[in-house]
Amino acid sequence: MTTMKRLNFFPYYEELLGSRAKTTTLRLHPPGIEPGEEVMLTVGWDEPGAAELHTARVESVFTRRLGDLTDEDLAGESPDCLTSASALYVLSCIYRQILSEERIVWVVKFSHL
């Protein structure tokens, strides 16, 4: 039996995911998922203890410099990540490290099932 891959989010994104408003996520590391895959969206401070929400289909996965993120790249992200500058700040807080505009991030677009 194959276990469904998971895409975990911190608890403060639960409302946006539950309402299906969040359809984009930015990651500092390769997410290990491919377009077309179905994944389980989870919410928790750490993945092992995360609660399952519902499934989603990965629509696209691509890399971009933080400083080059476009409005289209950020469409479907949370309201605190509407510009490349705000995304840089938010990701610095989430990952607890100082990031620069040169940092490569993975943009994951998904649709809720």
N, C-alpha and C. Protein backbone atom coordinates (compact mmCIF):
# COMPACT_ATOMS: atom_id res chain seq x y z
N MET A 1 0.85 -1.19 0.00
CA MET A 1 0.00 0.00 0.00
C MET A 1 0.89 1.25 0.00
N THR A 2 0.63 2.16 -0.91
CA THR A 2 1.40 3.39 -1.02
C THR A 2 0.74 4.48 -0.19
N THR A 3 1.53 5.16 0.62
CA THR A 3 1.02 6.26 1.42
C THR A 3 0.98 7.53 0.56
N MET A 4 -0.13 8.26 0.66
CA MET A 4 -0.26 9.50 -0.10
C MET A 4 0.74 10.52 0.43
N LYS A 5 1.38 11.22 -0.47
CA LYS A 5 2.30 12.29 -0.07
C LYS A 5 1.51 13.40 0.60
N ARG A 6 2.20 14.14 1.46
CA ARG A 6 1.56 15.20 2.23
C ARG A 6 2.19 16.55 1.91
N LEU A 7 1.38 17.57 2.00
CA LEU A 7 1.85 18.95 1.89
C LEU A 7 1.38 19.62 3.17
N ASN A 8 2.33 19.87 4.08
CA ASN A 8 1.98 20.37 5.40
C ASN A 8 2.07 21.90 5.47
N PHE A 9 1.16 22.48 6.24
CA PHE A 9 1.09 23.92 6.46
C PHE A 9 1.02 24.20 7.95
N PHE A 10 1.55 25.35 8.36
CA PHE A 10 1.42 25.77 9.74
C PHE A 10 -0.05 26.06 10.05
N PRO A 11 -0.45 25.92 11.32
CA PRO A 11 -1.86 26.08 11.69
C PRO A 11 -2.50 27.41 11.29
N TYR A 12 -1.74 28.50 11.19
CA TYR A 12 -2.39 29.75 10.84
C TYR A 12 -2.87 29.80 9.40
N TYR A 13 -2.57 28.78 8.60
CA TYR A 13 -3.10 28.71 7.23
C TYR A 13 -4.35 27.83 7.14
N GLU A 14 -4.78 27.25 8.26
CA GLU A 14 -5.90 26.30 8.22
C GLU A 14 -7.18 26.91 7.66
N GLU A 15 -7.52 28.12 8.06
CA GLU A 15 -8.75 28.76 7.57
C GLU A 15 -8.68 28.99 6.06
N LEU A 16 -7.55 29.46 5.56
CA LEU A 16 -7.39 29.70 4.11
C LEU A 16 -7.47 28.39 3.33
N LEU A 17 -6.94 27.32 3.90
CA LEU A 17 -7.02 26.02 3.23
C LEU A 17 -8.43 25.45 3.31
N GLY A 18 -9.06 25.59 4.47
CA GLY A 18 -10.42 25.08 4.64
C GLY A 18 -11.42 25.77 3.73
N SER A 19 -11.22 27.06 3.51
CA SER A 19 -12.10 27.81 2.61
C SER A 19 -11.69 27.65 1.15
N ARG A 20 -10.59 26.95 0.94
CA ARG A 20 -10.03 26.69 -0.39
C ARG A 20 -9.53 27.95 -1.10
N ALA A 21 -9.22 28.99 -0.32
CA ALA A 21 -8.70 30.24 -0.88
C ALA A 21 -7.21 30.12 -1.20
N LYS A 22 -6.50 29.31 -0.43
CA LYS A 22 -5.04 29.16 -0.64
C LYS A 22 -4.81 28.04 -1.64
N THR A 23 -4.19 28.40 -2.77
CA THR A 23 -3.91 27.43 -3.83
C THR A 23 -2.46 27.47 -4.28
N THR A 24 -1.64 28.19 -3.53
CA THR A 24 -0.21 28.32 -3.85
C THR A 24 0.57 28.27 -2.55
N THR A 25 1.73 27.64 -2.60
CA THR A 25 2.62 27.66 -1.46
C THR A 25 4.05 27.83 -1.96
N LEU A 26 4.86 28.48 -1.18
CA LEU A 26 6.28 28.68 -1.48
C LEU A 26 7.09 27.84 -0.51
N ARG A 27 8.08 27.14 -1.03
CA ARG A 27 8.92 26.28 -0.21
C ARG A 27 10.38 26.56 -0.48
N LEU A 28 11.22 26.45 0.55
CA LEU A 28 12.65 26.66 0.39
C LEU A 28 13.36 25.42 -0.13
N HIS A 29 12.73 24.27 0.00
CA HIS A 29 13.36 23.01 -0.38
C HIS A 29 12.48 22.30 -1.40
N PRO A 30 13.05 21.46 -2.23
CA PRO A 30 12.23 20.73 -3.20
C PRO A 30 11.11 19.98 -2.47
N PRO A 31 9.87 20.17 -2.91
CA PRO A 31 8.75 19.59 -2.19
C PRO A 31 8.56 18.09 -2.41
N GLY A 32 9.24 17.51 -3.39
CA GLY A 32 9.13 16.07 -3.60
C GLY A 32 7.79 15.64 -4.18
N ILE A 33 7.13 16.55 -4.86
CA ILE A 33 5.85 16.24 -5.51
C ILE A 33 5.89 16.74 -6.95
N GLU A 34 5.08 16.13 -7.78
CA GLU A 34 5.08 16.44 -9.21
C GLU A 34 3.69 16.87 -9.66
N PRO A 35 3.60 17.66 -10.73
CA PRO A 35 2.29 18.01 -11.29
C PRO A 35 1.49 16.74 -11.60
N GLY A 36 0.20 16.81 -11.29
CA GLY A 36 -0.69 15.68 -11.51
C GLY A 36 -0.87 14.78 -10.30
N GLU A 37 0.06 14.84 -9.35
CA GLU A 37 -0.05 14.01 -8.15
C GLU A 37 -1.15 14.53 -7.23
N GLU A 38 -1.82 13.60 -6.56
CA GLU A 38 -2.75 13.97 -5.49
C GLU A 38 -1.98 13.88 -4.18
N VAL A 39 -2.18 14.89 -3.33
CA VAL A 39 -1.51 14.97 -2.04
C VAL A 39 -2.54 15.23 -0.96
N MET A 40 -2.20 14.86 0.26
CA MET A 40 -3.03 15.18 1.41
C MET A 40 -2.53 16.50 2.00
N LEU A 41 -3.42 17.47 2.11
CA LEU A 41 -3.07 18.73 2.77
C LEU A 41 -3.21 18.51 4.27
N THR A 42 -2.17 18.87 5.01
CA THR A 42 -2.18 18.71 6.46
C THR A 42 -1.83 20.02 7.13
N VAL A 43 -2.20 20.13 8.39
CA VAL A 43 -1.93 21.33 9.17
C VAL A 43 -1.34 20.92 10.51
N GLY A 44 -0.17 21.49 10.81
CA GLY A 44 0.46 21.21 12.09
C GLY A 44 1.82 21.88 12.15
N TRP A 45 2.31 22.08 13.36
CA TRP A 45 3.61 22.71 13.53
C TRP A 45 4.72 21.79 13.06
N ASP A 46 4.49 20.49 13.13
CA ASP A 46 5.45 19.54 12.56
C ASP A 46 4.65 18.46 11.83
N GLU A 47 5.24 17.93 10.79
CA GLU A 47 4.50 17.01 9.92
C GLU A 47 4.03 15.74 10.61
N PRO A 48 4.84 15.11 11.47
CA PRO A 48 4.37 13.86 12.08
C PRO A 48 3.08 14.02 12.89
N GLY A 49 2.88 15.16 13.53
CA GLY A 49 1.69 15.38 14.33
C GLY A 49 0.59 16.15 13.63
N ALA A 50 0.73 16.36 12.33
CA ALA A 50 -0.21 17.20 11.58
C ALA A 50 -1.56 16.52 11.37
N ALA A 51 -2.61 17.33 11.36
CA ALA A 51 -3.97 16.85 11.11
C ALA A 51 -4.26 16.92 9.62
N GLU A 52 -4.92 15.89 9.11
CA GLU A 52 -5.30 15.87 7.70
C GLU A 52 -6.50 16.76 7.45
N LEU A 53 -6.46 17.53 6.35
CA LEU A 53 -7.59 18.38 5.96
C LEU A 53 -8.37 17.73 4.83
N HIS A 54 -7.78 17.70 3.65
CA HIS A 54 -8.39 17.09 2.48
C HIS A 54 -7.34 16.94 1.39
N THR A 55 -7.72 16.32 0.30
CA THR A 55 -6.75 16.10 -0.77
C THR A 55 -6.73 17.26 -1.75
N ALA A 56 -5.63 17.34 -2.47
CA ALA A 56 -5.45 18.37 -3.50
C ALA A 56 -4.66 17.75 -4.65
N ARG A 57 -4.78 18.35 -5.81
CA ARG A 57 -4.01 17.93 -6.98
C ARG A 57 -2.94 18.98 -7.24
N VAL A 58 -1.72 18.54 -7.40
CA VAL A 58 -0.62 19.45 -7.73
C VAL A 58 -0.76 19.85 -9.20
N GLU A 59 -0.86 21.14 -9.44
CA GLU A 59 -1.03 21.65 -10.80
C GLU A 59 0.32 21.99 -11.44
N SER A 60 1.22 22.59 -10.66
CA SER A 60 2.54 22.93 -11.18
C SER A 60 3.53 23.08 -10.03
N VAL A 61 4.79 22.84 -10.36
CA VAL A 61 5.89 23.02 -9.42
C VAL A 61 7.04 23.62 -10.22
N PHE A 62 7.52 24.79 -9.79
CA PHE A 62 8.63 25.42 -10.52
C PHE A 62 9.44 26.27 -9.55
N THR A 63 10.64 26.62 -9.98
CA THR A 63 11.52 27.43 -9.15
C THR A 63 11.54 28.87 -9.65
N ARG A 64 11.84 29.76 -8.71
CA ARG A 64 11.93 31.19 -9.03
C ARG A 64 12.80 31.84 -7.95
N ARG A 65 13.56 32.85 -8.33
CA ARG A 65 14.25 33.67 -7.33
C ARG A 65 13.20 34.43 -6.53
N LEU A 66 13.40 34.56 -5.25
CA LEU A 66 12.44 35.31 -4.42
C LEU A 66 12.20 36.71 -4.99
N GLY A 67 13.24 37.36 -5.41
CA GLY A 67 13.12 38.72 -5.94
C GLY A 67 12.40 38.80 -7.28
N ASP A 68 12.24 37.67 -7.95
CA ASP A 68 11.60 37.65 -9.26
C ASP A 68 10.16 37.13 -9.23
N LEU A 69 9.62 36.85 -8.05
CA LEU A 69 8.25 36.36 -7.97
C LEU A 69 7.28 37.38 -8.57
N THR A 70 6.37 36.91 -9.40
CA THR A 70 5.41 37.78 -10.06
C THR A 70 4.05 37.70 -9.38
N ASP A 71 3.16 38.60 -9.76
CA ASP A 71 1.78 38.55 -9.25
C ASP A 71 1.15 37.20 -9.58
N GLU A 72 1.41 36.70 -10.77
CA GLU A 72 0.86 35.40 -11.17
C GLU A 72 1.42 34.27 -10.31
N ASP A 73 2.73 34.33 -10.02
CA ASP A 73 3.34 33.32 -9.14
C ASP A 73 2.68 33.32 -7.78
N LEU A 74 2.36 34.51 -7.28
CA LEU A 74 1.83 34.66 -5.92
C LEU A 74 0.31 34.56 -5.85
N ALA A 75 -0.38 34.49 -6.98
CA ALA A 75 -1.84 34.33 -6.98
C ALA A 75 -2.19 33.04 -6.24
N GLY A 76 -3.09 33.14 -5.28
CA GLY A 76 -3.48 31.98 -4.49
C GLY A 76 -2.66 31.78 -3.24
N GLU A 77 -1.65 32.64 -3.02
CA GLU A 77 -0.88 32.58 -1.78
C GLU A 77 -1.71 33.27 -0.69
N SER A 78 -1.19 33.27 0.51
CA SER A 78 -1.91 33.91 1.61
C SER A 78 -1.83 35.43 1.48
N PRO A 79 -2.75 36.15 2.12
CA PRO A 79 -2.75 37.62 2.03
C PRO A 79 -1.47 38.28 2.53
N ASP A 80 -0.66 37.57 3.30
CA ASP A 80 0.59 38.15 3.79
C ASP A 80 1.73 37.96 2.78
N CYS A 81 1.46 37.36 1.64
CA CYS A 81 2.50 37.12 0.62
C CYS A 81 2.04 37.61 -0.75
N LEU A 82 1.65 38.85 -0.84
CA LEU A 82 1.13 39.37 -2.10
C LEU A 82 2.19 40.05 -2.97
N THR A 83 3.38 40.26 -2.41
CA THR A 83 4.49 40.84 -3.18
C THR A 83 5.74 40.00 -2.90
N SER A 84 6.74 40.14 -3.76
CA SER A 84 7.97 39.39 -3.53
C SER A 84 8.64 39.84 -2.23
N ALA A 85 8.55 41.13 -1.91
CA ALA A 85 9.15 41.64 -0.67
C ALA A 85 8.46 41.05 0.56
N SER A 86 7.13 40.98 0.55
CA SER A 86 6.43 40.42 1.70
C SER A 86 6.66 38.91 1.77
N ALA A 87 6.74 38.23 0.63
CA ALA A 87 7.02 36.79 0.64
C ALA A 87 8.39 36.53 1.24
N LEU A 88 9.37 37.34 0.91
CA LEU A 88 10.72 37.21 1.47
C LEU A 88 10.66 37.32 3.00
N TYR A 89 9.93 38.30 3.49
CA TYR A 89 9.82 38.51 4.94
C TYR A 89 9.10 37.34 5.61
N VAL A 90 7.96 36.91 5.04
CA VAL A 90 7.18 35.82 5.63
C VAL A 90 7.99 34.53 5.64
N LEU A 91 8.63 34.20 4.53
CA LEU A 91 9.44 32.97 4.49
C LEU A 91 10.61 33.04 5.46
N SER A 92 11.21 34.22 5.61
CA SER A 92 12.29 34.38 6.60
C SER A 92 11.77 34.05 8.00
N CYS A 93 10.56 34.48 8.31
CA CYS A 93 9.96 34.20 9.63
C CYS A 93 9.63 32.71 9.77
N ILE A 94 9.00 32.13 8.75
CA ILE A 94 8.59 30.73 8.82
C ILE A 94 9.80 29.82 8.98
N TYR A 95 10.82 30.05 8.17
CA TYR A 95 11.99 29.18 8.17
C TYR A 95 13.06 29.63 9.16
N ARG A 96 12.81 30.74 9.84
CA ARG A 96 13.71 31.25 10.88
C ARG A 96 15.14 31.44 10.37
N GLN A 97 15.24 32.09 9.22
CA GLN A 97 16.56 32.43 8.68
C GLN A 97 16.42 33.67 7.80
N ILE A 98 17.50 34.40 7.69
CA ILE A 98 17.50 35.60 6.87
C ILE A 98 17.67 35.19 5.41
N LEU A 99 16.70 35.53 4.60
CA LEU A 99 16.73 35.19 3.18
C LEU A 99 17.01 36.44 2.36
N SER A 100 17.47 36.23 1.15
CA SER A 100 17.72 37.36 0.25
C SER A 100 16.87 37.18 -1.00
N GLU A 101 16.82 38.24 -1.80
CA GLU A 101 16.09 38.18 -3.07
C GLU A 101 16.70 37.15 -4.02
N GLU A 102 17.94 36.75 -3.79
CA GLU A 102 18.62 35.77 -4.65
C GLU A 102 18.21 34.34 -4.36
N ARG A 103 17.59 34.11 -3.22
CA ARG A 103 17.24 32.74 -2.80
C ARG A 103 16.24 32.12 -3.78
N ILE A 104 16.52 30.90 -4.20
CA ILE A 104 15.60 30.16 -5.06
C ILE A 104 14.54 29.49 -4.19
N VAL A 105 13.28 29.63 -4.60
CA VAL A 105 12.18 28.97 -3.90
C VAL A 105 11.41 28.11 -4.89
N TRP A 106 10.69 27.13 -4.35
CA TRP A 106 9.81 26.31 -5.16
C TRP A 106 8.40 26.85 -5.00
N VAL A 107 7.75 27.10 -6.11
CA VAL A 107 6.36 27.55 -6.14
C VAL A 107 5.51 26.33 -6.47
N VAL A 108 4.57 26.02 -5.59
CA VAL A 108 3.69 24.88 -5.81
C VAL A 108 2.27 25.41 -5.94
N LYS A 109 1.66 25.13 -7.09
CA LYS A 109 0.26 25.49 -7.35
C LYS A 109 -0.56 24.20 -7.23
N PHE A 110 -1.70 24.29 -6.55
CA PHE A 110 -2.53 23.10 -6.36
C PHE A 110 -4.01 23.46 -6.42
N SER A 111 -4.82 22.46 -6.68
CA SER A 111 -6.27 22.66 -6.66
C SER A 111 -6.86 21.71 -5.62
N HIS A 112 -7.83 22.20 -4.89
CA HIS A 112 -8.47 21.42 -3.84
C HIS A 112 -9.43 20.41 -4.45
N LEU A 113 -9.44 19.21 -3.89
CA LEU A 113 -10.35 18.16 -4.37
C LEU A 113 -11.46 17.92 -3.36
